[in-house]
Amino acid sequence: MKWTGIYLVGYVILMGGVLAALWQLDVLETVGTVWTAIGVIIAVGIGIMLAVSSSGTKENVK
């Protein structure tokens, strides 16, 4: 697995831990399902952007 994939898997695990902590503290009940889903989508998008930007040198393949 490439480093980008490992980075993204680690980021998803981190986000899962954060969501589990917020769920355990009953924070997600006050926020609501729609806003929780929006936040997760934004967080995953940021994780993908960070994984791609730190993937190393970019090469043009012809």
Protein backbone atom coordinates (compact mmCIF):
# COMPACT_ATOMS: atom_id res chain seq x y z
CA MET A 1 0.00 0.00 0.00
CA LYS A 2 1.34 3.42 -0.88
CA TRP A 3 2.02 6.01 1.80
CA THR A 4 -0.93 8.06 0.59
CA GLY A 5 -3.29 5.16 1.24
CA ILE A 6 -1.83 4.50 4.67
CA TYR A 7 -2.14 8.20 5.53
CA LEU A 8 -5.77 8.24 4.43
CA VAL A 9 -6.60 5.06 6.40
CA GLY A 10 -5.02 6.59 9.50
CA TYR A 11 -7.00 9.79 9.00
CA VAL A 12 -10.27 7.83 8.69
CA ILE A 13 -9.44 5.92 11.89
CA LEU A 14 -8.73 9.24 13.63
CA MET A 15 -12.06 10.67 12.48
CA GLY A 16 -13.82 7.52 13.67
CA GLY A 17 -12.27 7.97 17.11
CA VAL A 18 -13.32 11.61 17.25
CA LEU A 19 -16.88 10.71 16.25
CA ALA A 20 -16.99 7.92 18.84
CA ALA A 21 -15.83 10.34 21.55
CA LEU A 22 -18.43 12.94 20.55
CA TRP A 23 -21.12 10.25 20.50
CA GLN A 24 -20.10 9.01 23.94
CA LEU A 25 -20.24 12.58 25.33
CA ASP A 26 -23.75 13.04 23.81
CA VAL A 27 -22.55 15.96 21.71
CA LEU A 28 -23.86 14.42 18.49
CA GLU A 29 -27.42 14.35 19.84
CA THR A 30 -27.47 18.13 20.21
CA VAL A 31 -25.82 18.78 16.83
CA GLY A 32 -28.13 16.65 14.71
CA THR A 33 -27.69 14.03 12.03
CA VAL A 34 -27.48 16.33 9.02
CA TRP A 35 -24.77 18.56 10.49
CA THR A 36 -22.84 15.51 11.69
CA ALA A 37 -22.92 14.06 8.15
CA ILE A 38 -21.82 17.40 6.67
CA GLY A 39 -18.93 17.58 9.12
CA VAL A 40 -17.83 14.03 8.31
CA ILE A 41 -17.90 14.73 4.57
CA ILE A 42 -15.83 17.89 5.05
CA ALA A 43 -13.33 16.06 7.29
CA VAL A 44 -12.90 13.22 4.80
CA GLY A 45 -12.41 15.75 1.99
CA ILE A 46 -9.71 17.52 3.99
CA GLY A 47 -8.07 14.17 4.67
CA ILE A 48 -8.00 13.31 0.98
CA MET A 49 -6.53 16.71 0.13
CA LEU A 50 -3.83 16.33 2.81
CA ALA A 51 -3.00 12.80 1.66
CA VAL A 52 -2.63 13.84 -1.96
CA SER A 53 -0.64 16.98 -1.17
CA SER A 54 1.86 15.06 0.97
CA SER A 55 2.25 12.16 -1.48
CA GLY A 56 5.65 13.29 -2.74
CA THR A 57 6.90 14.53 -6.07
CA LYS A 58 4.52 14.85 -8.95
CA GLU A 59 5.59 13.29 -12.23
CA ASN A 60 4.09 13.81 -15.66
CA VAL A 61 3.60 10.51 -17.46
CA LYS A 62 3.51 10.73 -21.25
